[in-house]
Structure formats: C-alpha cells, structure tokens
Amino acid sequence: MNLLSLAALAACTFYLYSGISSLRRHRQAALPRAYLALSLCFALWAFSYAFVYPSRTAQEAWFWYELSA
C-alpha cells in the first residue's frame, strides 16, 4: 500500500476522533457540533484521497477525486 494512502487513512481517523471527542466533552454547546460537522467533512476528504493515490486508471482516480470534493 502507498504511504500517502496510509497517511490519509491516519488523518481520517484523527479527524473522526477529534470531532467525536470534542462533542463528547461539551454536548450542549453549539461550537462542538459545528466542529464535528467540519471534522466529518475533512474525514470524508481524507478517506477519499486514500483511494485516489493507488488508483490504476484515470477514471477510477477521477471518481474518488469527485467524491472527495
């Protein structure tokens, strides 16, 4: 597996953990909910890019690139 793919999966895990842990600490505040939404967007972006790097065809890479956008 490509090292960039592993880094993207690690970033996805970090974004998910960061967003969920901030929400668990302050459930009633609005700012952690907004941070969770932003973290979920970044996690989707990083997860999609984990599959862009090892793509075999340009069409497959374009699919993952569009999903990340």
Protein backbone atom coordinates (compact mmCIF):
# COMPACT_ATOMS: atom_id res chain seq x y z
CA MET A 1 0.00 0.00 0.00
CA ASN A 2 1.12 3.53 -0.75
CA LEU A 3 2.49 5.59 2.15
CA LEU A 4 0.31 8.52 1.16
CA SER A 5 -2.74 6.28 1.41
CA LEU A 6 -1.76 5.24 4.91
CA ALA A 7 -1.22 8.87 5.87
CA ALA A 8 -4.65 9.78 4.50
CA LEU A 9 -6.29 6.96 6.47
CA ALA A 10 -4.46 8.08 9.60
CA ALA A 11 -5.71 11.63 9.01
CA CYS A 12 -9.25 10.32 8.56
CA THR A 13 -9.01 8.51 11.87
CA PHE A 14 -7.61 11.61 13.57
CA TYR A 15 -10.42 13.82 12.21
CA LEU A 16 -13.09 11.39 13.37
CA TYR A 17 -11.56 11.01 16.82
CA SER A 18 -11.06 14.75 17.23
CA GLY A 19 -14.63 15.62 16.23
CA ILE A 20 -16.28 12.94 18.34
CA SER A 21 -14.18 13.64 21.41
CA SER A 22 -14.94 17.37 21.27
CA LEU A 23 -18.65 16.60 21.04
CA ARG A 24 -18.50 14.17 23.96
CA ARG A 25 -16.88 16.78 26.21
CA HIS A 26 -19.36 19.57 25.54
CA ARG A 27 -22.67 18.14 24.39
CA GLN A 28 -24.83 21.21 24.88
CA ALA A 29 -22.67 23.84 23.18
CA ALA A 30 -23.10 24.72 19.52
CA LEU A 31 -19.41 25.09 18.68
CA PRO A 32 -18.51 21.39 19.13
CA ARG A 33 -21.37 20.44 16.83
CA ALA A 34 -20.03 22.74 14.14
CA TYR A 35 -16.55 21.35 14.72
CA LEU A 36 -17.90 17.81 14.37
CA ALA A 37 -19.51 18.71 11.04
CA LEU A 38 -16.24 20.21 9.81
CA SER A 39 -14.30 17.19 11.07
CA LEU A 40 -16.66 14.83 9.23
CA CYS A 41 -16.09 16.76 6.01
CA PHE A 42 -12.32 16.50 6.47
CA ALA A 43 -12.61 12.80 7.31
CA LEU A 44 -14.56 12.13 4.10
CA TRP A 45 -11.99 14.10 2.13
CA ALA A 46 -9.06 12.19 3.65
CA PHE A 47 -10.81 8.82 3.23
CA SER A 48 -11.49 9.51 -0.44
CA TYR A 49 -7.92 10.59 -1.06
CA ALA A 50 -6.68 7.34 0.42
CA PHE A 51 -8.10 5.69 -2.70
CA VAL A 52 -7.02 8.37 -5.18
CA TYR A 53 -3.33 7.61 -4.73
CA PRO A 54 -3.34 3.88 -5.61
CA SER A 55 -5.86 4.18 -8.47
CA ARG A 56 -4.97 2.19 -11.56
CA THR A 57 -6.96 4.14 -14.13
CA ALA A 58 -7.69 7.81 -14.59
CA GLN A 59 -11.42 7.12 -14.46
CA GLU A 60 -11.11 5.45 -11.07
CA ALA A 61 -8.95 8.28 -9.74
CA TRP A 62 -11.46 10.83 -11.03
CA PHE A 63 -14.31 9.04 -9.24
CA TRP A 64 -12.51 9.23 -5.88
CA TYR A 65 -11.45 12.80 -6.55
CA GLU A 66 -15.06 13.85 -7.23
CA LEU A 67 -16.24 12.03 -4.13
CA SER A 68 -13.71 13.92 -2.05
CA ALA A 69 -14.94 17.23 -3.42
